Structures are given as C-alpha cells and as structure tokens.
Amino acid sequence: MKSTFENTLKLLALLLAMCWSQVALSMTCSTALGGSTEVLNMGAIKVTPAQVRAGAEIWRSATISRQFMCSERPNSLNEDTLKAFFFLDPISTVSGLDRSLEVGVTYLGRNTKASHGSRINLGTAVNCTPFCEPGSTMTGYNRYYALPISVSFQVYVKLTGITPPGSGKIANPGTLTVLRLAGGNDTFGNLPASNFATTLSGLNTVSFTSCQPTITVTGNSGATVGFGSISQKNAVLNKIEKQVPFSVNVNMSSVDNGQACPGATMQAAFSTTYTVRDQTTILPASNSGFGIVLARATAPTVPIVMNRIVDLGLVNGSVVQNRFTAGLKWLSTTPRVGPFTASATVDITFK
C-alpha cells in the first residue's frame, strides 16, 4: 500500500513538473509604457498606376514607442532564451493579403517584411544569475529578473510590383495581426496571447486610381542641384554653408493621366541609398565631413526626415510646383576636398 502511495506521489510530482515546464517555455511581458495592443487603421489611400512598382511605399504609421517588462523561468538556456522578439504575422493573417501589397515593420532603420516565421530581435529582456551559460545544467538554481526594454518602430505598406486587382480595390482582409511580442524559446502558434501586439486594418480602403501625373525635379542644373565651389576654410561644425533651391513638379494636365488627382491630398517621402546621419543628413561618403540636408522652402531650417511622409496639401490645379532646398551642412572642421555626388529619391503619393 505504501509503495502504491509513493508511486502516486511520484507520478503527481512528474505531472506537476511537466505542467511547470510548459508554463516556463513562454516569456510573459507587461507593457510599462503605452497600451498592450497598438491598433492601426490606414484610412483611405489612393494609388496611381504610375506608382505600381516594386518597393513604392503607400503608407507608414507614426513611430510607435513602448517599454516592456518581461519575465521567464526557462528549463534550459540557449543564446536566444532571454531575448525578446517581435514575431511577425504570428497567426498568418498578413499572408492572406493581396499579393500586390506588402506589410512590414521598420525597426532600427531596417525594413522587415511581415511574413509568418520571421522574427525581429529586440535584445535581452530578462537577466540571469549565476548559471547563465547556454547549455548549463544548473539552471534550476538561477534567479531571473526583468530588464526594461524600450522599442520604437513603424509599420509600413508597400507595393510589390505585382499587378493589383482589376477592380482597383483590395478585397477586405479584415484586421491583420502584424506582430506579437514573445521570447526566444516561444514558437509560432503558441505565443502568449496577453503579450503586446500590433494590428492593422483599413487595407480594403486602398484604391488604385487613374491619377498618373508627370513628375519632374528641377534644380539649378536641369534635374541636378549644384553647389558650385565651396572653400574648405568655411567649415564650421553643424553650420549650413549653402542652400540651393529645387522643385518637385507634378503635372496633371493630361486628360489621360490626371483626371483623378484634383481633390486628393498630395504627399512626398524622400529616401536615399547613401548613408544617412540623424535620419536627415545624406553623406556623400562616410568620411566626407559634410552632408546634404533637404528642407521645404517654407521651412528652410527644419530638415526633412528620410522615409517620413510630408503632406504637400490638397491638389486643386493641373500643375503643382513644390519648392524645397538642399543645404550643405558641415559635419567636421576638416572636411574632404574634391567633387562629390549624393542622390535622393522622392515618392509622390495621393490619398
């Protein structure tokens, strides 16, 4: 009888250990700053056929900032166990979106497509002492405590270049779960439901219009902005040495390609393949000692942030000229001498 009782206790202890192991596999996180779910809605977006090319961005959220406190008691350690991750498209809602659109996340300046199975590493969220080496057999003696982890990110929607639906409308995909926060030992399909998530809706309001204006850039040398000769002796740290005007011209006068433009809100977003400092300063080279800063002509001292949408106002005419400046900014008192080039791309969108 005693043996049976002892066996029952052993079995009960084993079952409890198994239950504890399952709980220990999930990292649970509370939101110390902001809500536990970020609910995004795109609003109405008009896309012209001229924009339908791979990589054209049609929408970007404001920057979302959160601070998390996470806890976990793992049974074993690997290099990712105590790290937090954004699990992208965790319940495969984004994967059902029309293939003409791509939804993704920008974190630390890098764009990552929200595809099921992808993760973004947010860094260490739980600290450990004293047996914390991966593979340690002494983890049962460890203490774990939360490290505040702060993140800032954006959600974007791009065109893939694949032909959109013939109706010009995106079939209603409902609400997409773009990401969910979880730990390195967590797995897709078994993520803690209480952890922070970001959802996106409104993609059914994306419409592909017949607004196809002719867009040109006019500088002081054709489509180029030239600064002429500038003396190295003028270099004063952070000073804007010279500003040169240029304009982005949008011609909607053609009957065939501009009919849907008037009444829409025009937006612009500048980007570049060159290195960018402080999100605003384009570097011709990493050691150039100077950079190029873009600004609206109406606010020449306010630099334009790369990859951030700038509202240009309602379209109420057939030809719209948007004026900007390109400024040369000293980043060193001993800049490199010689000719230089740098470039930026402007994407014009309508909504």
Foldseek 3Di string as FASTA:
>chain_A
DVVVVVVVVVVVVVVVVVVVQVVQLWKAKDWPDDDQEAEAEFPAFEAEPQQLAAPRWGDKDDKDKTKMWIDHQHQFDDPFFQWKKWQFQLPVLQVPWDLQKWKWKAWPNDTDTRDHPDIGTQGGFKDKDDQHYGPDNPSVPMDIGTDIGMTIMMMTMTTRSPDDDPVQFIPFSDKTWGTFMITPSDDRPGHPPSGGTYIYGHSRSYGHDLADWDKAKQFPPGNDHDPPDDDLQVFDAFDFPDKGKMKIKTALPDPRRHPPQAFWWKKKAKAFPADDDPQAFGDLDPQQQKTKFKAFPVCQVDTDGHRDIDTPGGDHDRMDITMMMITITGNDSRGDDDDTDTDMDMRMTTD
